[in-house]
PDB file of N, CA and C in Angstrom:
ATOM      1  N   MET A   1      43.436 -36.453  87.198  1.00  0.00           N
ATOM      2  CA  MET A   1      43.630 -35.183  86.535  1.00  0.00           C
ATOM      3  C   MET A   1      42.262 -34.865  85.904  1.00  0.00           C
ATOM      4  N   ALA A   2      41.753 -33.681  86.061  1.00  0.00           N
ATOM      5  CA  ALA A   2      40.505 -33.299  85.431  1.00  0.00           C
ATOM      6  C   ALA A   2      40.700 -33.075  83.877  1.00  0.00           C
ATOM      7  N   GLU A   3      39.658 -33.333  83.189  1.00  0.00           N
ATOM      8  CA  GLU A   3      39.715 -33.205  81.650  1.00  0.00           C
ATOM      9  C   GLU A   3      40.148 -31.794  81.258  1.00  0.00           C
ATOM     10  N   LEU A   4      39.642 -30.791  81.820  1.00  0.00           N
ATOM     11  CA  LEU A   4      39.943 -29.474  81.428  1.00  0.00           C
ATOM     12  C   LEU A   4      41.425 -29.021  81.769  1.00  0.00           C
ATOM     13  N   SER A   5      42.004 -29.731  82.731  1.00  0.00           N
ATOM     14  CA  SER A   5      43.431 -29.282  83.161  1.00  0.00           C
ATOM     15  C   SER A   5      44.402 -30.131  82.467  1.00  0.00           C
ATOM     16  N   ARG A   6      44.017 -31.165  81.628  1.00  0.00           N
ATOM     17  CA  ARG A   6      44.926 -31.825  80.798  1.00  0.00           C
ATOM     18  C   ARG A   6      45.608 -30.943  79.807  1.00  0.00           C
ATOM     19  N   PRO A   7      46.826 -31.121  79.453  1.00  0.00           N
ATOM     20  CA  PRO A   7      47.376 -30.475  78.283  1.00  0.00           C
ATOM     21  C   PRO A   7      46.890 -31.152  77.005  1.00  0.00           C
ATOM     22  N   ILE A   8      46.654 -30.296  75.931  1.00  0.00           N
ATOM     23  CA  ILE A   8      46.103 -30.838  74.749  1.00  0.00           C
ATOM     24  C   ILE A   8      47.163 -31.334  73.765  1.00  0.00           C
ATOM     25  N   TRP A   9      48.291 -30.911  73.833  1.00  0.00           N
ATOM     26  CA  TRP A   9      49.372 -31.240  72.742  1.00  0.00           C
ATOM     27  C   TRP A   9      49.507 -32.786  72.725  1.00  0.00           C
ATOM     28  N   PRO A  10      49.476 -33.628  73.799  1.00  0.00           N
ATOM     29  CA  PRO A  10      49.708 -35.033  73.617  1.00  0.00           C
ATOM     30  C   PRO A  10      48.675 -35.590  72.638  1.00  0.00           C
ATOM     31  N   ALA A  11      47.432 -35.051  72.572  1.00  0.00           N
ATOM     32  CA  ALA A  11      46.492 -35.507  71.703  1.00  0.00           C
ATOM     33  C   ALA A  11      46.871 -35.575  70.237  1.00  0.00           C
ATOM     34  N   TYR A  12      47.643 -34.515  69.931  1.00  0.00           N
ATOM     35  CA  TYR A  12      48.133 -34.450  68.514  1.00  0.00           C
ATOM     36  C   TYR A  12      49.098 -35.565  68.203  1.00  0.00           C
ATOM     37  N   LEU A  13      50.089 -35.802  69.136  1.00  0.00           N
ATOM     38  CA  LEU A  13      50.993 -36.967  68.911  1.00  0.00           C
ATOM     39  C   LEU A  13      50.341 -38.336  68.846  1.00  0.00           C
ATOM     40  N   LEU A  14      49.264 -38.505  69.700  1.00  0.00           N
ATOM     41  CA  LEU A  14      48.575 -39.711  69.777  1.00  0.00           C
ATOM     42  C   LEU A  14      47.839 -39.952  68.499  1.00  0.00           C
ATOM     43  N   THR A  15      47.207 -38.846  67.958  1.00  0.00           N
ATOM     44  CA  THR A  15      46.520 -38.954  66.612  1.00  0.00           C
ATOM     45  C   THR A  15      47.439 -39.337  65.518  1.00  0.00           C
ATOM     46  N   VAL A  16      48.642 -38.820  65.526  1.00  0.00           N
ATOM     47  CA  VAL A  16      49.579 -39.102  64.403  1.00  0.00           C
ATOM     48  C   VAL A  16      49.985 -40.546  64.482  1.00  0.00           C
ATOM     49  N   PHE A  17      50.098 -41.130  65.686  1.00  0.00           N
ATOM     50  CA  PHE A  17      50.473 -42.558  65.776  1.00  0.00           C
ATOM     51  C   PHE A  17      49.309 -43.496  65.453  1.00  0.00           C
ATOM     52  N   VAL A  18      48.105 -43.170  66.030  1.00  0.00           N
ATOM     53  CA  VAL A  18      46.922 -44.003  65.837  1.00  0.00           C
ATOM     54  C   VAL A  18      45.746 -43.075  65.638  1.00  0.00           C
ATOM     55  N   ALA A  19      45.107 -43.055  64.559  1.00  0.00           N
ATOM     56  CA  ALA A  19      43.868 -42.168  64.293  1.00  0.00           C
ATOM     57  C   ALA A  19      42.850 -42.507  65.346  1.00  0.00           C
ATOM     58  N   GLY A  20      42.361 -41.444  65.955  1.00  0.00           N
ATOM     59  CA  GLY A  20      41.279 -41.662  66.956  1.00  0.00           C
ATOM     60  C   GLY A  20      41.778 -41.649  68.453  1.00  0.00           C
ATOM     61  N   LEU A  21      43.062 -41.918  68.618  1.00  0.00           N
ATOM     62  CA  LEU A  21      43.574 -42.068  69.988  1.00  0.00           C
ATOM     63  C   LEU A  21      43.660 -40.674  70.627  1.00  0.00           C
ATOM     64  N   GLY A  22      43.839 -39.605  69.851  1.00  0.00           N
ATOM     65  CA  GLY A  22      43.851 -38.335  70.465  1.00  0.00           C
ATOM     66  C   GLY A  22      42.509 -37.922  71.030  1.00  0.00           C
ATOM     67  N   HIS A  23      41.375 -38.346  70.289  1.00  0.00           N
ATOM     68  CA  HIS A  23      40.042 -38.111  70.720  1.00  0.00           C
ATOM     69  C   HIS A  23      39.757 -38.757  72.034  1.00  0.00           C
ATOM     70  N   CYS A  24      40.235 -40.109  72.161  1.00  0.00           N
ATOM     71  CA  CYS A  24      40.087 -40.796  73.315  1.00  0.00           C
ATOM     72  C   CYS A  24      40.847 -40.083  74.547  1.00  0.00           C
ATOM     73  N   TYR A  25      41.967 -39.555  74.296  1.00  0.00           N
ATOM     74  CA  TYR A  25      42.678 -38.848  75.231  1.00  0.00           C
ATOM     75  C   TYR A  25      41.860 -37.605  75.801  1.00  0.00           C
ATOM     76  N   LEU A  26      41.296 -37.041  74.779  1.00  0.00           N
ATOM     77  CA  LEU A  26      40.504 -35.716  75.130  1.00  0.00           C
ATOM     78  C   LEU A  26      39.109 -36.099  75.733  1.00  0.00           C
ATOM     79  N   GLY A  27      38.794 -37.420  75.891  1.00  0.00           N
ATOM     80  CA  GLY A  27      37.552 -37.804  76.547  1.00  0.00           C
ATOM     81  C   GLY A  27      36.437 -38.045  75.578  1.00  0.00           C
ATOM     82  N   GLN A  28      36.652 -38.070  74.299  1.00  0.00           N
ATOM     83  CA  GLN A  28      35.616 -38.434  73.317  1.00  0.00           C
ATOM     84  C   GLN A  28      35.738 -39.726  72.760  1.00  0.00           C
ATOM     85  N   LEU A  29      35.360 -40.687  73.511  1.00  0.00           N
ATOM     86  CA  LEU A  29      35.614 -42.100  73.171  1.00  0.00           C
ATOM     87  C   LEU A  29      34.904 -42.535  71.946  1.00  0.00           C
ATOM     88  N   LYS A  30      33.652 -42.197  71.790  1.00  0.00           N
ATOM     89  CA  LYS A  30      32.842 -42.618  70.618  1.00  0.00           C
ATOM     90  C   LYS A  30      33.389 -42.037  69.355  1.00  0.00           C
ATOM     91  N   ARG A  31      33.784 -40.661  69.405  1.00  0.00           N
ATOM     92  CA  ARG A  31      34.307 -40.035  68.273  1.00  0.00           C
ATOM     93  C   ARG A  31      35.661 -40.689  67.908  1.00  0.00           C
ATOM     94  N   GLY A  32      36.505 -40.982  68.904  1.00  0.00           N
ATOM     95  CA  GLY A  32      37.798 -41.622  68.656  1.00  0.00           C
ATOM     96  C   GLY A  32      37.610 -43.034  68.058  1.00  0.00           C
ATOM     97  N   ALA A  33      36.650 -43.744  68.529  1.00  0.00           N
ATOM     98  CA  ALA A  33      36.379 -45.022  67.951  1.00  0.00           C
ATOM     99  C   ALA A  33      35.877 -45.010  66.505  1.00  0.00           C
ATOM    100  N   ALA A  34      35.147 -43.982  66.185  1.00  0.00           N
ATOM    101  CA  ALA A  34      34.727 -43.692  64.795  1.00  0.00           C
ATOM    102  C   ALA A  34      35.763 -43.421  63.974  1.00  0.00           C
ATOM    103  N   TRP A  35      36.754 -42.491  64.357  1.00  0.00           N
ATOM    104  CA  TRP A  35      37.878 -42.193  63.588  1.00  0.00           C
ATOM    105  C   TRP A  35      38.743 -43.351  63.324  1.00  0.00           C
ATOM    106  N   PHE A  36      38.989 -44.220  64.371  1.00  0.00           N
ATOM    107  CA  PHE A  36      39.847 -45.363  64.311  1.00  0.00           C
ATOM    108  C   PHE A  36      39.231 -46.354  63.303  1.00  0.00           C
ATOM    109  N   ALA A  37      37.943 -46.575  63.378  1.00  0.00           N
ATOM    110  CA  ALA A  37      37.285 -47.443  62.493  1.00  0.00           C
ATOM    111  C   ALA A  37      37.382 -47.045  61.002  1.00  0.00           C
ATOM    112  N   LEU A  38      37.183 -45.727  60.821  1.00  0.00           N
ATOM    113  CA  LEU A  38      37.353 -45.123  59.508  1.00  0.00           C
ATOM    114  C   LEU A  38      38.733 -45.305  58.936  1.00  0.00           C
ATOM    115  N   TYR A  39      39.663 -45.120  59.772  1.00  0.00           N
ATOM    116  CA  TYR A  39      41.103 -45.249  59.344  1.00  0.00           C
ATOM    117  C   TYR A  39      41.423 -46.689  59.018  1.00  0.00           C
ATOM    118  N   ILE A  40      40.941 -47.658  59.798  1.00  0.00           N
ATOM    119  CA  ILE A  40      41.175 -49.028  59.533  1.00  0.00           C
ATOM    120  C   ILE A  40      40.475 -49.436  58.141  1.00  0.00           C
ATOM    121  N   LEU A  41      39.257 -48.959  58.000  1.00  0.00           N
ATOM    122  CA  LEU A  41      38.591 -49.139  56.700  1.00  0.00           C
ATOM    123  C   LEU A  41      39.312 -48.643  55.468  1.00  0.00           C
ATOM    124  N   ALA A  42      39.856 -47.347  55.726  1.00  0.00           N
ATOM    125  CA  ALA A  42      40.628 -46.837  54.627  1.00  0.00           C
ATOM    126  C   ALA A  42      41.868 -47.581  54.302  1.00  0.00           C
ATOM    127  N   LEU A  43      42.520 -48.032  55.334  1.00  0.00           N
ATOM    128  CA  LEU A  43      43.765 -48.934  55.151  1.00  0.00           C
ATOM    129  C   LEU A  43      43.330 -50.226  54.400  1.00  0.00           C
ATOM    130  N   ALA A  44      42.350 -50.872  54.821  1.00  0.00           N
ATOM    131  CA  ALA A  44      41.876 -52.196  54.395  1.00  0.00           C
ATOM    132  C   ALA A  44      41.252 -52.098  53.058  1.00  0.00           C
ATOM    133  N   PHE A  45      40.321 -51.219  52.811  1.00  0.00           N
ATOM    134  CA  PHE A  45      39.418 -51.362  51.683  1.00  0.00           C
ATOM    135  C   PHE A  45      39.438 -50.269  50.697  1.00  0.00           C
ATOM    136  N   LEU A  46      39.766 -49.039  51.064  1.00  0.00           N
ATOM    137  CA  LEU A  46      39.716 -47.883  50.108  1.00  0.00           C
ATOM    138  C   LEU A  46      41.076 -47.812  49.342  1.00  0.00           C
ATOM    139  N   SER A  47      42.140 -48.421  49.825  1.00  0.00           N
ATOM    140  CA  SER A  47      43.394 -48.275  49.054  1.00  0.00           C
ATOM    141  C   SER A  47      43.303 -49.161  47.799  1.00  0.00           C
ATOM    142  N   ALA A  48      43.718 -48.722  46.663  1.00  0.00           N
ATOM    143  CA  ALA A  48      43.596 -49.430  45.456  1.00  0.00           C
ATOM    144  C   ALA A  48      44.387 -50.755  45.476  1.00  0.00           C
ATOM    145  N   ARG A  49      45.573 -50.666  46.003  1.00  0.00           N
ATOM    146  CA  ARG A  49      46.381 -51.873  46.003  1.00  0.00           C
ATOM    147  C   ARG A  49      45.898 -52.930  46.860  1.00  0.00           C
ATOM    148  N   THR A  50      45.497 -52.520  48.110  1.00  0.00           N
ATOM    149  CA  THR A  50      45.123 -53.624  49.033  1.00  0.00           C
ATOM    150  C   THR A  50      43.718 -54.197  48.638  1.00  0.00           C
ATOM    151  N   LEU A  51      42.844 -53.407  48.069  1.00  0.00           N
ATOM    152  CA  LEU A  51      41.554 -53.945  47.575  1.00  0.00           C
ATOM    153  C   LEU A  51      41.789 -54.930  46.523  1.00  0.00           C
ATOM    154  N   SER A  52      42.680 -54.554  45.484  1.00  0.00           N
ATOM    155  CA  SER A  52      42.783 -55.483  44.310  1.00  0.00           C
ATOM    156  C   SER A  52      43.603 -56.668  44.830  1.00  0.00           C
ATOM    157  N   GLY A  53      44.494 -56.494  45.697  1.00  0.00           N
ATOM    158  CA  GLY A  53      45.315 -57.632  46.248  1.00  0.00           C
ATOM    159  C   GLY A  53      44.434 -58.588  47.148  1.00  0.00           C
ATOM    160  N   ALA A  54      43.545 -57.980  47.885  1.00  0.00           N
ATOM    161  CA  ALA A  54      42.650 -58.789  48.745  1.00  0.00           C
ATOM    162  C   ALA A  54      41.676 -59.620  47.921  1.00  0.00           C
ATOM    163  N   LEU A  55      41.346 -59.344  46.741  1.00  0.00           N
ATOM    164  CA  LEU A  55      40.347 -60.028  45.936  1.00  0.00           C
ATOM    165  C   LEU A  55      41.060 -61.075  45.048  1.00  0.00           C
ATOM    166  N   GLU A  56      42.389 -61.084  44.994  1.00  0.00           N
ATOM    167  CA  GLU A  56      43.200 -62.089  44.283  1.00  0.00           C
ATOM    168  C   GLU A  56      43.141 -63.427  45.081  1.00  0.00           C
ATOM    169  N   PRO A  57      42.845 -64.535  44.576  1.00  0.00           N
ATOM    170  CA  PRO A  57      42.793 -65.751  45.362  1.00  0.00           C
ATOM    171  C   PRO A  57      44.143 -66.325  45.800  1.00  0.00           C
ATOM    172  N   GLY A  58      45.141 -66.017  45.031  1.00  0.00           N
ATOM    173  CA  GLY A  58      46.476 -66.628  45.373  1.00  0.00           C
ATOM    174  C   GLY A  58      47.257 -65.879  46.413  1.00  0.00           C
ATOM    175  N   GLU A  59      46.919 -64.674  46.848  1.00  0.00           N
ATOM    176  CA  GLU A  59      47.800 -63.928  47.771  1.00  0.00           C
ATOM    177  C   GLU A  59      47.034 -63.633  49.037  1.00  0.00           C
ATOM    178  N   PRO A  60      47.681 -63.891  50.190  1.00  0.00           N
ATOM    179  CA  PRO A  60      47.051 -63.427  51.419  1.00  0.00           C
ATOM    180  C   PRO A  60      46.909 -61.889  51.553  1.00  0.00           C
ATOM    181  N   PHE A  61      45.876 -61.538  52.194  1.00  0.00           N
ATOM    182  CA  PHE A  61      45.511 -60.060  52.304  1.00  0.00           C
ATOM    183  C   PHE A  61      46.639 -59.243  52.915  1.00  0.00           C
ATOM    184  N   PHE A  62      47.070 -59.781  54.062  1.00  0.00           N
ATOM    185  CA  PHE A  62      48.091 -58.963  54.785  1.00  0.00           C
ATOM    186  C   PHE A  62      49.518 -58.836  54.094  1.00  0.00           C
ATOM    187  N   VAL A  63      49.874 -59.912  53.466  1.00  0.00           N
ATOM    188  CA  VAL A  63      51.068 -59.969  52.690  1.00  0.00           C
ATOM    189  C   VAL A  63      50.990 -58.890  51.505  1.00  0.00           C
ATOM    190  N   THR A  64      49.821 -58.858  50.839  1.00  0.00           N
ATOM    191  CA  THR A  64      49.578 -58.006  49.839  1.00  0.00           C
ATOM    192  C   THR A  64      49.697 -56.458  50.319  1.00  0.00           C
ATOM    193  N   ALA A  65      49.055 -56.229  51.412  1.00  0.00           N
ATOM    194  CA  ALA A  65      48.981 -54.861  52.027  1.00  0.00           C
ATOM    195  C   ALA A  65      50.291 -54.392  52.389  1.00  0.00           C
ATOM    196  N   LEU A  66      51.206 -55.252  52.824  1.00  0.00           N
ATOM    197  CA  LEU A  66      52.548 -54.852  53.251  1.00  0.00           C
ATOM    198  C   LEU A  66      53.724 -54.947  52.247  1.00  0.00           C
ATOM    199  N   GLN A  67      53.337 -55.063  50.880  1.00  0.00           N
ATOM    200  CA  GLN A  67      54.417 -55.038  49.943  1.00  0.00           C
ATOM    201  C   GLN A  67      54.859 -53.556  49.609  1.00  0.00           C
ATOM    202  N   PHE A  68      55.837 -53.171  50.176  1.00  0.00           N
ATOM    203  CA  PHE A  68      56.322 -51.860  50.246  1.00  0.00           C
ATOM    204  C   PHE A  68      57.052 -51.430  48.908  1.00  0.00           C
ATOM    205  N   GLU A  69      57.652 -52.361  48.205  1.00  0.00           N
ATOM    206  CA  GLU A  69      58.402 -52.119  46.987  1.00  0.00           C
ATOM    207  C   GLU A  69      57.462 -51.532  45.865  1.00  0.00           C
ATOM    208  N   ALA A  70      56.305 -51.775  45.930  1.00  0.00           N
ATOM    209  CA  ALA A  70      55.309 -51.467  44.809  1.00  0.00           C
ATOM    210  C   ALA A  70      54.308 -50.383  45.329  1.00  0.00           C
ATOM    211  N   VAL A  71      54.604 -49.599  46.252  1.00  0.00           N
ATOM    212  CA  VAL A  71      53.612 -48.686  46.729  1.00  0.00           C
ATOM    213  C   VAL A  71      53.550 -47.414  45.897  1.00  0.00           C
ATOM    214  N   ASN A  72      52.443 -47.053  45.560  1.00  0.00           N
ATOM    215  CA  ASN A  72      52.152 -45.885  44.780  1.00  0.00           C
ATOM    216  C   ASN A  72      51.432 -44.808  45.672  1.00  0.00           C
ATOM    217  N   TYR A  73      51.491 -43.508  45.206  1.00  0.00           N
ATOM    218  CA  TYR A  73      50.755 -42.531  45.984  1.00  0.00           C
ATOM    219  C   TYR A  73      49.298 -42.826  46.088  1.00  0.00           C
ATOM    220  N   VAL A  74      48.698 -43.391  45.158  1.00  0.00           N
ATOM    221  CA  VAL A  74      47.291 -43.777  45.250  1.00  0.00           C
ATOM    222  C   VAL A  74      46.987 -44.757  46.338  1.00  0.00           C
ATOM    223  N   ASP A  75      48.003 -45.670  46.628  1.00  0.00           N
ATOM    224  CA  ASP A  75      47.806 -46.677  47.666  1.00  0.00           C
ATOM    225  C   ASP A  75      47.619 -46.029  49.053  1.00  0.00           C
ATOM    226  N   VAL A  76      48.304 -44.969  49.253  1.00  0.00           N
ATOM    227  CA  VAL A  76      48.332 -44.348  50.633  1.00  0.00           C
ATOM    228  C   VAL A  76      47.591 -43.028  50.758  1.00  0.00           C
ATOM    229  N   ALA A  77      46.957 -42.553  49.650  1.00  0.00           N
ATOM    230  CA  ALA A  77      46.300 -41.216  49.574  1.00  0.00           C
ATOM    231  C   ALA A  77      45.053 -41.248  50.497  1.00  0.00           C
ATOM    232  N   VAL A  78      44.270 -42.258  50.382  1.00  0.00           N
ATOM    233  CA  VAL A  78      42.936 -42.241  51.202  1.00  0.00           C
ATOM    234  C   VAL A  78      43.318 -42.376  52.693  1.00  0.00           C
ATOM    235  N   PRO A  79      44.136 -43.342  53.143  1.00  0.00           N
ATOM    236  CA  PRO A  79      44.467 -43.434  54.577  1.00  0.00           C
ATOM    237  C   PRO A  79      45.169 -42.139  55.133  1.00  0.00           C
ATOM    238  N   LEU A  80      45.990 -41.597  54.260  1.00  0.00           N
ATOM    239  CA  LEU A  80      46.703 -40.344  54.723  1.00  0.00           C
ATOM    240  C   LEU A  80      45.798 -39.182  54.861  1.00  0.00           C
ATOM    241  N   ALA A  81      44.727 -39.141  53.905  1.00  0.00           N
ATOM    242  CA  ALA A  81      43.777 -37.977  53.984  1.00  0.00           C
ATOM    243  C   ALA A  81      42.896 -38.234  55.262  1.00  0.00           C
ATOM    244  N   VAL A  82      42.550 -39.486  55.680  1.00  0.00           N
ATOM    245  CA  VAL A  82      41.737 -39.670  56.827  1.00  0.00           C
ATOM    246  C   VAL A  82      42.569 -39.293  58.026  1.00  0.00           C
ATOM    247  N   LEU A  83      43.855 -39.609  58.050  1.00  0.00           N
ATOM    248  CA  LEU A  83      44.628 -39.183  59.246  1.00  0.00           C
ATOM    249  C   LEU A  83      44.870 -37.813  59.351  1.00  0.00           C
ATOM    250  N   VAL A  84      44.991 -37.066  58.193  1.00  0.00           N
ATOM    251  CA  VAL A  84      45.130 -35.598  58.270  1.00  0.00           C
ATOM    252  C   VAL A  84      43.797 -34.966  58.732  1.00  0.00           C
ATOM    253  N   VAL A  85      42.742 -35.394  58.227  1.00  0.00           N
ATOM    254  CA  VAL A  85      41.408 -34.809  58.638  1.00  0.00           C
ATOM    255  C   VAL A  85      41.109 -35.133  60.104  1.00  0.00           C
ATOM    256  N   CYS A  86      41.578 -36.332  60.517  1.00  0.00           N
ATOM    257  CA  CYS A  86      41.360 -36.634  61.990  1.00  0.00           C
ATOM    258  C   CYS A  86      42.299 -35.748  62.792  1.00  0.00           C
ATOM    259  N   LEU A  87      43.524 -35.465  62.406  1.00  0.00           N
ATOM    260  CA  LEU A  87      44.340 -34.570  63.119  1.00  0.00           C
ATOM    261  C   LEU A  87      43.716 -33.099  63.211  1.00  0.00           C
ATOM    262  N   LEU A  88      43.146 -32.618  62.095  1.00  0.00           N
ATOM    263  CA  LEU A  88      42.439 -31.378  62.056  1.00  0.00           C
ATOM    264  C   LEU A  88      41.292 -31.426  63.034  1.00  0.00           C
ATOM    265  N   ASP A  89      40.522 -32.444  63.082  1.00  0.00           N
ATOM    266  CA  ASP A  89      39.442 -32.610  64.028  1.00  0.00           C
ATOM    267  C   ASP A  89      39.849 -32.596  65.503  1.00  0.00           C
ATOM    268  N   VAL A  90      41.037 -33.155  65.747  1.00  0.00           N
ATOM    269  CA  VAL A  90      41.568 -33.113  67.163  1.00  0.00           C
ATOM    270  C   VAL A  90      41.923 -31.642  67.439  1.00  0.00           C
ATOM    271  N   TYR A  91      42.550 -30.932  66.501  1.00  0.00           N
ATOM    272  CA  TYR A  91      42.863 -29.568  66.737  1.00  0.00           C
ATOM    273  C   TYR A  91      41.644 -28.761  66.963  1.00  0.00           C
ATOM    274  N   LEU A  92      40.522 -28.924  66.216  1.00  0.00           N
ATOM    275  CA  LEU A  92      39.382 -28.191  66.482  1.00  0.00           C
ATOM    276  C   LEU A  92      38.700 -28.473  67.850  1.00  0.00           C
ATOM    277  N   VAL A  93      38.673 -29.795  68.183  1.00  0.00           N
ATOM    278  CA  VAL A  93      38.210 -30.107  69.507  1.00  0.00           C
ATOM    279  C   VAL A  93      39.096 -29.451  70.597  1.00  0.00           C
ATOM    280  N   GLY A  94      40.348 -29.475  70.500  1.00  0.00           N
ATOM    281  CA  GLY A  94      41.300 -28.722  71.344  1.00  0.00           C
ATOM    282  C   GLY A  94      40.982 -27.275  71.397  1.00  0.00           C
ATOM    283  N   LEU A  95      40.765 -26.735  70.240  1.00  0.00           N
ATOM    284  CA  LEU A  95      40.489 -25.257  70.252  1.00  0.00           C
ATOM    285  C   LEU A  95      39.208 -24.893  70.944  1.00  0.00           C
ATOM    286  N   THR A  96      38.150 -25.760  70.740  1.00  0.00           N
ATOM    287  CA  THR A  96      36.875 -25.526  71.374  1.00  0.00           C
ATOM    288  C   THR A  96      37.130 -25.639  72.922  1.00  0.00           C
ATOM    289  N   ARG A  97      37.904 -26.640  73.257  1.00  0.00           N
ATOM    290  CA  ARG A  97      38.133 -26.818  74.717  1.00  0.00           C
ATOM    291  C   ARG A  97      38.883 -25.601  75.317  1.00  0.00           C
ATOM    292  N   ARG A  98      39.879 -25.021  74.675  1.00  0.00           N
ATOM    293  CA  ARG A  98      40.551 -23.841  75.106  1.00  0.00           C
ATOM    294  C   ARG A  98      39.607 -22.556  75.171  1.00  0.00           C
ATOM    295  N   THR A  99      38.759 -22.490  74.160  1.00  0.00           N
ATOM    296  CA  THR A  99      37.975 -21.281  74.154  1.00  0.00           C
ATOM    297  C   THR A  99      36.827 -21.353  75.272  1.00  0.00           C
ATOM    298  N   ASP A 100      36.447 -22.529  75.708  1.00  0.00           N
ATOM    299  CA  ASP A 100      35.441 -22.646  76.778  1.00  0.00           C
ATOM    300  C   ASP A 100      36.118 -22.133  78.011  1.00  0.00           C
ATOM    301  N   SER A 101      35.444 -21.220  78.684  1.00  0.00           N
ATOM    302  CA  SER A 101      35.935 -20.760  79.955  1.00  0.00           C
ATOM    303  C   SER A 101      35.567 -21.667  81.047  1.00  0.00           C
ATOM    304  N   PRO A 102      36.214 -21.588  82.149  1.00  0.00           N
ATOM    305  CA  PRO A 102      35.968 -22.487  83.347  1.00  0.00           C
ATOM    306  C   PRO A 102      34.519 -22.280  83.780  1.00  0.00           C
ATOM    307  N   ALA A 103      34.038 -21.092  83.766  1.00  0.00           N
ATOM    308  CA  ALA A 103      32.649 -20.752  84.212  1.00  0.00           C
ATOM    309  C   ALA A 103      31.631 -21.461  83.291  1.00  0.00           C
ATOM    310  N   THR A 104      31.951 -21.506  81.970  1.00  0.00           N
ATOM    311  CA  THR A 104      31.117 -22.199  80.943  1.00  0.00           C
ATOM    312  C   THR A 104      31.055 -23.652  81.178  1.00  0.00           C
ATOM    313  N   ALA A 105      32.222 -24.183  81.448  1.00  0.00           N
ATOM    314  CA  ALA A 105      32.309 -25.654  81.686  1.00  0.00           C
ATOM    315  C   ALA A 105      31.657 -26.066  82.976  1.00  0.00           C
ATOM    316  N   GLU A 106      31.699 -25.179  83.953  1.00  0.00           N
ATOM    317  CA  GLU A 106      31.075 -25.535  85.258  1.00  0.00           C
ATOM    318  C   GLU A 106      29.529 -25.368  85.049  1.00  0.00           C
ATOM    319  N   ALA A 107      29.057 -24.539  84.325  1.00  0.00           N
ATOM    320  CA  ALA A 107      27.624 -24.372  84.073  1.00  0.00           C
ATOM    321  C   ALA A 107      27.062 -25.565  83.263  1.00  0.00           C
ATOM    322  N   HIS A 108      27.887 -26.067  82.449  1.00  0.00           N
ATOM    323  CA  HIS A 108      27.524 -27.293  81.646  1.00  0.00           C
ATOM    324  C   HIS A 108      27.407 -28.507  82.597  1.00  0.00           C
ATOM    325  N   SER A 109      28.324 -28.645  83.525  1.00  0.00           N
ATOM    326  CA  SER A 109      28.357 -29.805  84.334  1.00  0.00           C
ATOM    327  C   SER A 109      27.318 -29.674  85.428  1.00  0.00           C
ATOM    328  N   ASN A 110      26.832 -28.471  85.762  1.00  0.00           N
ATOM    329  CA  ASN A 110      25.761 -28.274  86.746  1.00  0.00           C
ATOM    330  C   ASN A 110      24.456 -28.422  86.130  1.00  0.00           C
ATOM    331  N   GLY A 111      24.320 -28.469  84.814  1.00  0.00           N
ATOM    332  CA  GLY A 111      23.085 -28.614  84.069  1.00  0.00           C
ATOM    333  C   GLY A 111      22.312 -27.264  83.908  1.00  0.00           C
ATOM    334  N   SER A 112      23.013 -26.211  84.121  1.00  0.00           N
ATOM    335  CA  SER A 112      22.312 -24.870  83.840  1.00  0.00           C
ATOM    336  C   SER A 112      22.313 -24.511  82.437  1.00  0.00           C
TER     337      SER A 112
END
């Protein structure tokens, strides 16, 4: 299936499940990998709870990151913001794809 004939809506669902996966679906692998890496960094290091828990010598990092009974808004704000901006970026990429006419896309592929 050609990239331009693919429906765009699955990219939105894929992005909600895994940041960057929608970009990969749309054929932008480097951009998708960058979003995925940023999301993983946000989950691992930018969250206040996981960063403080990761630096404590007595508790393993993943156990600390998965303690749901003590989750605050601050703990999920940065990863959630990255996910929302990634979803917005997928929307803008899809919008750009829709506005490109087939003649424009063919001219780009022919190198004109």
